[in-house]
All heavy atoms as atom14 arrays in JSON, in Angstrom:
{
  "sequence": "LAIAYDEGKLIGVLTETGGITHLVKEILEACNKQTGARVIYGSD",
  "atom14_mask": [
    [1, 1, 1, 1, 1, 1, 1, 1, 0, 0, 0, 0, 0, 0],
    [1, 1, 1, 1, 1, 0, 0, 0, 0, 0, 0, 0, 0, 0],
    [1, 1, 1, 1, 1, 1, 1, 1, 0, 0, 0, 0, 0, 0],
    [1, 1, 1, 1, 1, 0, 0, 0, 0, 0, 0, 0, 0, 0],
    [1, 1, 1, 1, 1, 1, 1, 1, 1, 1, 1, 1, 0, 0],
    [1, 1, 1, 1, 1, 1, 1, 1, 0, 0, 0, 0, 0, 0],
    [1, 1, 1, 1, 1, 1, 1, 1, 1, 0, 0, 0, 0, 0],
    [1, 1, 1, 1, 0, 0, 0, 0, 0, 0, 0, 0, 0, 0],
    [1, 1, 1, 1, 1, 1, 1, 1, 1, 0, 0, 0, 0, 0],
    [1, 1, 1, 1, 1, 1, 1, 1, 0, 0, 0, 0, 0, 0],
    [1, 1, 1, 1, 1, 1, 1, 1, 0, 0, 0, 0, 0, 0],
    [1, 1, 1, 1, 0, 0, 0, 0, 0, 0, 0, 0, 0, 0],
    [1, 1, 1, 1, 1, 1, 1, 0, 0, 0, 0, 0, 0, 0],
    [1, 1, 1, 1, 1, 1, 1, 1, 0, 0, 0, 0, 0, 0],
    [1, 1, 1, 1, 1, 1, 1, 0, 0, 0, 0, 0, 0, 0],
    [1, 1, 1, 1, 1, 1, 1, 1, 1, 0, 0, 0, 0, 0],
    [1, 1, 1, 1, 1, 1, 1, 0, 0, 0, 0, 0, 0, 0],
    [1, 1, 1, 1, 0, 0, 0, 0, 0, 0, 0, 0, 0, 0],
    [1, 1, 1, 1, 0, 0, 0, 0, 0, 0, 0, 0, 0, 0],
    [1, 1, 1, 1, 1, 1, 1, 1, 0, 0, 0, 0, 0, 0],
    [1, 1, 1, 1, 1, 1, 1, 0, 0, 0, 0, 0, 0, 0],
    [1, 1, 1, 1, 1, 1, 1, 1, 1, 1, 0, 0, 0, 0],
    [1, 1, 1, 1, 1, 1, 1, 1, 0, 0, 0, 0, 0, 0],
    [1, 1, 1, 1, 1, 1, 1, 0, 0, 0, 0, 0, 0, 0],
    [1, 1, 1, 1, 1, 1, 1, 1, 1, 0, 0, 0, 0, 0],
    [1, 1, 1, 1, 1, 1, 1, 1, 1, 0, 0, 0, 0, 0],
    [1, 1, 1, 1, 1, 1, 1, 1, 0, 0, 0, 0, 0, 0],
    [1, 1, 1, 1, 1, 1, 1, 1, 0, 0, 0, 0, 0, 0],
    [1, 1, 1, 1, 1, 1, 1, 1, 1, 0, 0, 0, 0, 0],
    [1, 1, 1, 1, 1, 0, 0, 0, 0, 0, 0, 0, 0, 0],
    [1, 1, 1, 1, 1, 1, 0, 0, 0, 0, 0, 0, 0, 0],
    [1, 1, 1, 1, 1, 1, 1, 1, 0, 0, 0, 0, 0, 0],
    [1, 1, 1, 1, 1, 1, 1, 1, 1, 0, 0, 0, 0, 0],
    [1, 1, 1, 1, 1, 1, 1, 1, 1, 0, 0, 0, 0, 0],
    [1, 1, 1, 1, 1, 1, 1, 0, 0, 0, 0, 0, 0, 0],
    [1, 1, 1, 1, 0, 0, 0, 0, 0, 0, 0, 0, 0, 0],
    [1, 1, 1, 1, 1, 0, 0, 0, 0, 0, 0, 0, 0, 0],
    [1, 1, 1, 1, 1, 1, 1, 1, 1, 1, 1, 0, 0, 0],
    [1, 1, 1, 1, 1, 1, 1, 0, 0, 0, 0, 0, 0, 0],
    [1, 1, 1, 1, 1, 1, 1, 1, 0, 0, 0, 0, 0, 0],
    [1, 1, 1, 1, 1, 1, 1, 1, 1, 1, 1, 1, 0, 0],
    [1, 1, 1, 1, 0, 0, 0, 0, 0, 0, 0, 0, 0, 0],
    [1, 1, 1, 1, 1, 1, 0, 0, 0, 0, 0, 0, 0, 0],
    [1, 1, 1, 1, 1, 1, 1, 1, 0, 0, 0, 0, 0, 0]
  ],
  "atom14_positions": [
    [[27.38, 37.14, 68.51], [27.2, 35.94, 69.33], [28.26, 35.9, 70.43], [27.95, 35.61, 71.6], [27.29, 34.69, 68.47], [27.37, 33.36, 69.22], [26.07, 33.07, 69.95], [27.72, 32.22, 68.26], [0.0, 0.0, 0.0], [0.0, 0.0, 0.0], [0.0, 0.0, 0.0], [0.0, 0.0, 0.0], [0.0, 0.0, 0.0], [0.0, 0.0, 0.0]],
    [[29.51, 36.18, 70.07], [30.6, 36.13, 71.05], [30.39, 37.14, 72.17], [30.6, 36.83, 73.35], [31.93, 36.37, 70.34], [0.0, 0.0, 0.0], [0.0, 0.0, 0.0], [0.0, 0.0, 0.0], [0.0, 0.0, 0.0], [0.0, 0.0, 0.0], [0.0, 0.0, 0.0], [0.0, 0.0, 0.0], [0.0, 0.0, 0.0], [0.0, 0.0, 0.0]],
    [[29.97, 38.34, 71.82], [29.72, 39.36, 72.84], [28.58, 38.93, 73.75], [28.68, 39.0, 74.98], [29.39, 40.71, 72.18], [30.59, 41.23, 71.37], [29.0, 41.75, 73.24], [30.26, 42.39, 70.45], [0.0, 0.0, 0.0], [0.0, 0.0, 0.0], [0.0, 0.0, 0.0], [0.0, 0.0, 0.0], [0.0, 0.0, 0.0], [0.0, 0.0, 0.0]],
    [[27.49, 38.46, 73.15], [26.34, 38.04, 73.94], [26.7, 36.89, 74.86], [26.29, 36.86, 76.04], [25.19, 37.64, 73.02], [0.0, 0.0, 0.0], [0.0, 0.0, 0.0], [0.0, 0.0, 0.0], [0.0, 0.0, 0.0], [0.0, 0.0, 0.0], [0.0, 0.0, 0.0], [0.0, 0.0, 0.0], [0.0, 0.0, 0.0], [0.0, 0.0, 0.0]],
    [[27.48, 35.95, 74.37], [27.85, 34.79, 75.19], [28.79, 35.21, 76.32], [28.61, 34.8, 77.48], [28.51, 33.72, 74.32], [28.71, 32.42, 75.07], [27.66, 31.54, 75.27], [29.97, 32.08, 75.59], [27.83, 30.35, 75.96], [30.15, 30.9, 76.3], [29.08, 30.05, 76.48], [29.25, 28.89, 77.19], [0.0, 0.0, 0.0], [0.0, 0.0, 0.0]],
    [[29.78, 36.01, 76.0], [30.73, 36.46, 77.02], [30.06, 37.28, 78.11], [30.5, 37.28, 79.26], [31.85, 37.28, 76.38], [33.05, 36.43, 75.99], [33.05, 35.22, 76.3], [33.99, 36.97, 75.38], [0.0, 0.0, 0.0], [0.0, 0.0, 0.0], [0.0, 0.0, 0.0], [0.0, 0.0, 0.0], [0.0, 0.0, 0.0], [0.0, 0.0, 0.0]],
    [[28.99, 37.98, 77.74], [28.33, 38.86, 78.71], [27.14, 38.2, 79.4], [26.38, 38.86, 80.1], [27.94, 40.17, 78.03], [29.17, 40.9, 77.53], [28.91, 42.35, 77.16], [27.74, 42.78, 77.14], [29.91, 43.07, 76.89], [0.0, 0.0, 0.0], [0.0, 0.0, 0.0], [0.0, 0.0, 0.0], [0.0, 0.0, 0.0], [0.0, 0.0, 0.0]],
    [[26.99, 36.9, 79.22], [26.0, 36.15, 79.99], [24.56, 36.35, 79.57], [23.65, 36.2, 80.39], [0.0, 0.0, 0.0], [0.0, 0.0, 0.0], [0.0, 0.0, 0.0], [0.0, 0.0, 0.0], [0.0, 0.0, 0.0], [0.0, 0.0, 0.0], [0.0, 0.0, 0.0], [0.0, 0.0, 0.0], [0.0, 0.0, 0.0], [0.0, 0.0, 0.0]],
    [[24.34, 36.64, 78.33], [22.98, 36.88, 77.85], [22.21, 35.57, 77.64], [22.79, 34.5, 77.5], [23.02, 37.65, 76.52], [23.54, 39.07, 76.62], [22.51, 39.99, 77.25], [22.96, 41.44, 77.19], [21.93, 42.36, 77.72], [0.0, 0.0, 0.0], [0.0, 0.0, 0.0], [0.0, 0.0, 0.0], [0.0, 0.0, 0.0], [0.0, 0.0, 0.0]],
    [[20.9, 35.7, 77.6], [20.04, 34.61, 77.14], [20.0, 34.69, 75.63], [19.63, 35.73, 75.06], [18.64, 34.75, 77.73], [17.59, 33.73, 77.27], [18.03, 32.31, 77.59], [16.24, 34.04, 77.92], [0.0, 0.0, 0.0], [0.0, 0.0, 0.0], [0.0, 0.0, 0.0], [0.0, 0.0, 0.0], [0.0, 0.0, 0.0], [0.0, 0.0, 0.0]],
    [[20.38, 33.6, 74.96], [20.56, 33.61, 73.51], [19.68, 32.53, 72.87], [19.63, 31.4, 73.34], [22.04, 33.33, 73.14], [22.96, 34.36, 73.8], [22.23, 33.31, 71.63], [24.43, 33.99, 73.75], [0.0, 0.0, 0.0], [0.0, 0.0, 0.0], [0.0, 0.0, 0.0], [0.0, 0.0, 0.0], [0.0, 0.0, 0.0], [0.0, 0.0, 0.0]],
    [[19.01, 32.9, 71.8], [18.28, 31.94, 70.99], [18.94, 31.8, 69.64], [19.44, 32.79, 69.08], [0.0, 0.0, 0.0], [0.0, 0.0, 0.0], [0.0, 0.0, 0.0], [0.0, 0.0, 0.0], [0.0, 0.0, 0.0], [0.0, 0.0, 0.0], [0.0, 0.0, 0.0], [0.0, 0.0, 0.0], [0.0, 0.0, 0.0], [0.0, 0.0, 0.0]],
    [[19.0, 30.61, 69.12], [19.54, 30.36, 67.78], [18.42, 29.78, 66.93], [17.93, 28.67, 67.22], [20.75, 29.4, 67.82], [21.27, 29.16, 66.4], [21.85, 29.96, 68.72], [0.0, 0.0, 0.0], [0.0, 0.0, 0.0], [0.0, 0.0, 0.0], [0.0, 0.0, 0.0], [0.0, 0.0, 0.0], [0.0, 0.0, 0.0], [0.0, 0.0, 0.0]],
    [[18.0, 30.53, 65.92], [16.96, 30.05, 65.0], [17.64, 29.19, 63.96], [18.26, 29.7, 63.01], [16.21, 31.21, 64.36], [15.0, 30.82, 63.51], [13.95, 30.09, 64.33], [14.38, 32.07, 62.86], [0.0, 0.0, 0.0], [0.0, 0.0, 0.0], [0.0, 0.0, 0.0], [0.0, 0.0, 0.0], [0.0, 0.0, 0.0], [0.0, 0.0, 0.0]],
    [[17.57, 27.9, 64.14], [18.29, 26.97, 63.28], [17.59, 26.83, 61.92], [16.49, 27.32, 61.72], [18.39, 25.59, 63.96], [17.07, 25.11, 64.27], [19.18, 25.68, 65.24], [0.0, 0.0, 0.0], [0.0, 0.0, 0.0], [0.0, 0.0, 0.0], [0.0, 0.0, 0.0], [0.0, 0.0, 0.0], [0.0, 0.0, 0.0], [0.0, 0.0, 0.0]],
    [[18.29, 26.16, 61.0], [17.81, 25.97, 59.63], [17.59, 27.3, 58.92], [16.66, 27.47, 58.15], [16.53, 25.12, 59.61], [16.71, 23.74, 60.22], [15.43, 22.92, 60.24], [14.46, 23.31, 59.55], [15.39, 21.89, 60.94], [0.0, 0.0, 0.0], [0.0, 0.0, 0.0], [0.0, 0.0, 0.0], [0.0, 0.0, 0.0], [0.0, 0.0, 0.0]],
    [[18.49, 28.26, 59.23], [18.45, 29.56, 58.55], [19.8, 29.88, 57.93], [20.09, 31.04, 57.61], [18.05, 30.68, 59.53], [18.94, 30.68, 60.65], [16.62, 30.51, 60.01], [0.0, 0.0, 0.0], [0.0, 0.0, 0.0], [0.0, 0.0, 0.0], [0.0, 0.0, 0.0], [0.0, 0.0, 0.0], [0.0, 0.0, 0.0], [0.0, 0.0, 0.0]],
    [[20.64, 28.86, 57.74], [21.9, 29.05, 57.07], [22.95, 29.73, 57.92], [22.82, 29.87, 59.14], [0.0, 0.0, 0.0], [0.0, 0.0, 0.0], [0.0, 0.0, 0.0], [0.0, 0.0, 0.0], [0.0, 0.0, 0.0], [0.0, 0.0, 0.0], [0.0, 0.0, 0.0], [0.0, 0.0, 0.0], [0.0, 0.0, 0.0], [0.0, 0.0, 0.0]],
    [[24.02, 30.19, 57.25], [25.08, 30.92, 57.93], [25.72, 30.11, 59.04], [25.98, 28.92, 58.9], [0.0, 0.0, 0.0], [0.0, 0.0, 0.0], [0.0, 0.0, 0.0], [0.0, 0.0, 0.0], [0.0, 0.0, 0.0], [0.0, 0.0, 0.0], [0.0, 0.0, 0.0], [0.0, 0.0, 0.0], [0.0, 0.0, 0.0], [0.0, 0.0, 0.0]],
    [[25.95, 30.77, 60.18], [26.66, 30.13, 61.29], [25.76, 29.31, 62.21], [26.23, 28.69, 63.16], [27.4, 31.18, 62.13], [26.41, 32.09, 62.84], [28.39, 31.97, 61.29], [27.04, 32.98, 63.91], [0.0, 0.0, 0.0], [0.0, 0.0, 0.0], [0.0, 0.0, 0.0], [0.0, 0.0, 0.0], [0.0, 0.0, 0.0], [0.0, 0.0, 0.0]],
    [[24.45, 29.32, 61.95], [23.54, 28.75, 62.94], [23.78, 27.26, 63.2], [23.57, 26.78, 64.32], [22.07, 28.97, 62.54], [21.84, 28.44, 61.23], [21.73, 30.44, 62.57], [0.0, 0.0, 0.0], [0.0, 0.0, 0.0], [0.0, 0.0, 0.0], [0.0, 0.0, 0.0], [0.0, 0.0, 0.0], [0.0, 0.0, 0.0], [0.0, 0.0, 0.0]],
    [[24.23, 26.52, 62.18], [24.48, 25.09, 62.38], [25.82, 24.83, 63.04], [26.15, 23.68, 63.38], [24.4, 24.34, 61.04], [25.52, 24.64, 60.1], [25.66, 25.87, 59.47], [26.57, 23.88, 59.68], [26.73, 25.86, 58.71], [27.3, 24.67, 58.82], [0.0, 0.0, 0.0], [0.0, 0.0, 0.0], [0.0, 0.0, 0.0], [0.0, 0.0, 0.0]],
    [[26.61, 25.89, 63.25], [27.93, 25.74, 63.86], [27.99, 26.29, 65.29], [28.98, 26.07, 65.99], [28.98, 26.5, 63.03], [29.19, 26.03, 61.6], [30.08, 27.01, 60.85], [29.8, 24.63, 61.59], [0.0, 0.0, 0.0], [0.0, 0.0, 0.0], [0.0, 0.0, 0.0], [0.0, 0.0, 0.0], [0.0, 0.0, 0.0], [0.0, 0.0, 0.0]],
    [[26.95, 26.99, 65.72], [27.01, 27.68, 67.01], [27.31, 26.72, 68.16], [28.18, 26.98, 69.0], [25.7, 28.44, 67.28], [25.68, 28.97, 68.7], [25.56, 29.6, 66.3], [0.0, 0.0, 0.0], [0.0, 0.0, 0.0], [0.0, 0.0, 0.0], [0.0, 0.0, 0.0], [0.0, 0.0, 0.0], [0.0, 0.0, 0.0], [0.0, 0.0, 0.0]],
    [[26.6, 25.62, 68.23], [26.79, 24.68, 69.34], [28.23, 24.19, 69.39], [28.85, 24.13, 70.46], [25.82, 23.52, 69.21], [25.84, 22.56, 70.4], [24.79, 21.48, 70.28], [23.39, 22.05, 70.39], [22.35, 20.99, 70.44], [0.0, 0.0, 0.0], [0.0, 0.0, 0.0], [0.0, 0.0, 0.0], [0.0, 0.0, 0.0], [0.0, 0.0, 0.0]],
    [[28.78, 23.84, 68.24], [30.15, 23.35, 68.17], [31.15, 24.43, 68.58], [32.12, 24.16, 69.3], [30.45, 22.86, 66.75], [31.83, 22.26, 66.57], [32.06, 21.77, 65.15], [31.08, 21.68, 64.39], [33.23, 21.48, 64.82], [0.0, 0.0, 0.0], [0.0, 0.0, 0.0], [0.0, 0.0, 0.0], [0.0, 0.0, 0.0], [0.0, 0.0, 0.0]],
    [[30.9, 25.66, 68.14], [31.79, 26.78, 68.48], [31.81, 27.02, 69.99], [32.87, 27.16, 70.61], [31.36, 28.06, 67.75], [31.62, 27.93, 66.25], [32.09, 29.28, 68.31], [31.0, 29.03, 65.42], [0.0, 0.0, 0.0], [0.0, 0.0, 0.0], [0.0, 0.0, 0.0], [0.0, 0.0, 0.0], [0.0, 0.0, 0.0], [0.0, 0.0, 0.0]],
    [[30.63, 27.04, 70.61], [30.55, 27.32, 72.04], [31.12, 26.17, 72.86], [31.73, 26.4, 73.92], [29.11, 27.61, 72.44], [28.5, 28.87, 71.81], [27.07, 29.07, 72.28], [29.34, 30.1, 72.11], [0.0, 0.0, 0.0], [0.0, 0.0, 0.0], [0.0, 0.0, 0.0], [0.0, 0.0, 0.0], [0.0, 0.0, 0.0], [0.0, 0.0, 0.0]],
    [[30.95, 24.95, 72.39], [31.56, 23.81, 73.07], [33.07, 23.9, 73.02], [33.77, 23.59, 73.99], [31.07, 22.5, 72.46], [29.63, 22.15, 72.81], [29.14, 20.9, 72.1], [29.89, 20.38, 71.23], [28.01, 20.44, 72.4], [0.0, 0.0, 0.0], [0.0, 0.0, 0.0], [0.0, 0.0, 0.0], [0.0, 0.0, 0.0], [0.0, 0.0, 0.0]],
    [[33.61, 24.34, 71.89], [35.06, 24.49, 71.75], [35.59, 25.6, 72.66], [36.71, 25.52, 73.17], [35.41, 24.78, 70.29], [0.0, 0.0, 0.0], [0.0, 0.0, 0.0], [0.0, 0.0, 0.0], [0.0, 0.0, 0.0], [0.0, 0.0, 0.0], [0.0, 0.0, 0.0], [0.0, 0.0, 0.0], [0.0, 0.0, 0.0], [0.0, 0.0, 0.0]],
    [[34.77, 26.62, 72.88], [35.19, 27.71, 73.76], [35.35, 27.23, 75.2], [36.21, 27.71, 75.94], [34.17, 28.85, 73.71], [34.14, 29.74, 72.15], [0.0, 0.0, 0.0], [0.0, 0.0, 0.0], [0.0, 0.0, 0.0], [0.0, 0.0, 0.0], [0.0, 0.0, 0.0], [0.0, 0.0, 0.0], [0.0, 0.0, 0.0], [0.0, 0.0, 0.0]],
    [[34.5, 26.28, 75.61], [34.6, 25.67, 76.95], [34.71, 26.75, 78.03], [35.63, 26.77, 78.85], [35.79, 24.72, 77.02], [35.78, 23.88, 78.29], [34.72, 23.6, 78.84], [36.96, 23.48, 78.75], [0.0, 0.0, 0.0], [0.0, 0.0, 0.0], [0.0, 0.0, 0.0], [0.0, 0.0, 0.0], [0.0, 0.0, 0.0], [0.0, 0.0, 0.0]],
    [[33.75, 27.65, 78.04], [33.8, 28.8, 78.94], [32.44, 29.02, 79.57], [31.44, 29.13, 78.86], [34.22, 30.05, 78.14], [34.41, 31.31, 78.96], [34.87, 32.45, 78.05], [35.13, 33.73, 78.82], [35.55, 34.83, 77.92], [0.0, 0.0, 0.0], [0.0, 0.0, 0.0], [0.0, 0.0, 0.0], [0.0, 0.0, 0.0], [0.0, 0.0, 0.0]],
    [[32.41, 29.1, 80.89], [31.16, 29.36, 81.6], [31.03, 30.86, 81.85], [31.87, 31.45, 82.51], [31.14, 28.59, 82.92], [31.19, 27.08, 82.76], [30.02, 26.55, 81.95], [28.87, 26.95, 82.16], [30.31, 25.64, 81.04], [0.0, 0.0, 0.0], [0.0, 0.0, 0.0], [0.0, 0.0, 0.0], [0.0, 0.0, 0.0], [0.0, 0.0, 0.0]],
    [[29.99, 31.45, 81.3], [29.82, 32.9, 81.41], [28.49, 33.3, 82.05], [28.26, 34.49, 82.28], [29.87, 33.54, 80.01], [28.74, 33.07, 79.25], [31.17, 33.19, 79.29], [0.0, 0.0, 0.0], [0.0, 0.0, 0.0], [0.0, 0.0, 0.0], [0.0, 0.0, 0.0], [0.0, 0.0, 0.0], [0.0, 0.0, 0.0], [0.0, 0.0, 0.0]],
    [[27.64, 32.32, 82.29], [26.29, 32.62, 82.76], [25.29, 32.72, 81.62], [24.09, 32.86, 81.86], [0.0, 0.0, 0.0], [0.0, 0.0, 0.0], [0.0, 0.0, 0.0], [0.0, 0.0, 0.0], [0.0, 0.0, 0.0], [0.0, 0.0, 0.0], [0.0, 0.0, 0.0], [0.0, 0.0, 0.0], [0.0, 0.0, 0.0], [0.0, 0.0, 0.0]],
    [[25.8, 32.67, 80.38], [24.89, 32.7, 79.22], [24.12, 31.39, 79.14], [24.58, 30.34, 79.6], [25.69, 32.92, 77.94], [0.0, 0.0, 0.0], [0.0, 0.0, 0.0], [0.0, 0.0, 0.0], [0.0, 0.0, 0.0], [0.0, 0.0, 0.0], [0.0, 0.0, 0.0], [0.0, 0.0, 0.0], [0.0, 0.0, 0.0], [0.0, 0.0, 0.0]],
    [[22.96, 31.47, 78.53], [22.18, 30.26, 78.26], [21.75, 30.31, 76.81], [21.26, 31.35, 76.34], [20.97, 30.19, 79.19], [20.18, 28.9, 79.02], [19.22, 28.68, 80.15], [18.45, 27.46, 79.95], [17.51, 27.03, 80.8], [17.26, 27.73, 81.9], [16.85, 25.94, 80.55], [0.0, 0.0, 0.0], [0.0, 0.0, 0.0], [0.0, 0.0, 0.0]],
    [[21.91, 29.22, 76.09], [21.65, 29.19, 74.65], [20.56, 28.17, 74.36], [20.65, 27.01, 74.78], [22.92, 28.85, 73.85], [22.66, 28.97, 72.36], [24.07, 29.77, 74.27], [0.0, 0.0, 0.0], [0.0, 0.0, 0.0], [0.0, 0.0, 0.0], [0.0, 0.0, 0.0], [0.0, 0.0, 0.0], [0.0, 0.0, 0.0], [0.0, 0.0, 0.0]],
    [[19.53, 28.62, 73.65], [18.39, 27.78, 73.29], [18.34, 27.67, 71.77], [18.45, 28.68, 71.06], [17.07, 28.38, 73.81], [17.17, 28.63, 75.32], [15.9, 27.46, 73.48], [17.4, 27.39, 76.15], [0.0, 0.0, 0.0], [0.0, 0.0, 0.0], [0.0, 0.0, 0.0], [0.0, 0.0, 0.0], [0.0, 0.0, 0.0], [0.0, 0.0, 0.0]],
    [[18.16, 26.46, 71.27], [18.12, 26.21, 69.83], [16.72, 25.79, 69.41], [16.03, 25.06, 70.13], [19.12, 25.11, 69.45], [20.54, 25.41, 69.84], [21.02, 25.09, 71.11], [21.43, 26.0, 68.95], [22.32, 25.37, 71.49], [22.75, 26.28, 69.3], [23.19, 25.96, 70.57], [24.49, 26.23, 70.95], [0.0, 0.0, 0.0], [0.0, 0.0, 0.0]],
    [[16.3, 26.23, 68.22], [15.01, 25.82, 67.71], [14.82, 26.29, 66.29], [15.33, 27.35, 65.89], [0.0, 0.0, 0.0], [0.0, 0.0, 0.0], [0.0, 0.0, 0.0], [0.0, 0.0, 0.0], [0.0, 0.0, 0.0], [0.0, 0.0, 0.0], [0.0, 0.0, 0.0], [0.0, 0.0, 0.0], [0.0, 0.0, 0.0], [0.0, 0.0, 0.0]],
    [[14.06, 25.52, 65.51], [13.83, 25.87, 64.1], [12.49, 26.55, 63.87], [12.26, 27.09, 62.79], [13.91, 24.6, 63.23], [12.91, 23.66, 63.63], [0.0, 0.0, 0.0], [0.0, 0.0, 0.0], [0.0, 0.0, 0.0], [0.0, 0.0, 0.0], [0.0, 0.0, 0.0], [0.0, 0.0, 0.0], [0.0, 0.0, 0.0], [0.0, 0.0, 0.0]],
    [[11.62, 26.52, 64.87], [10.3, 27.14, 64.74], [10.32, 28.5, 65.45], [10.52, 28.56, 66.66], [9.24, 26.25, 65.37], [7.84, 26.81, 65.2], [7.49, 27.76, 65.93], [7.1, 26.31, 64.34], [0.0, 0.0, 0.0], [0.0, 0.0, 0.0], [0.0, 0.0, 0.0], [0.0, 0.0, 0.0], [0.0, 0.0, 0.0], [0.0, 0.0, 0.0]]
  ]
}
């Protein structure tokens, strides 16, 4: 995730699948870094 975000990728997070998925938004907000990446969240 960190590599993809730092390199400006388009990222999808399939939520409600355990692990880090429920923390991704909080982690990226804490990073407070504009990289050109775009992150989309969804459970379906």
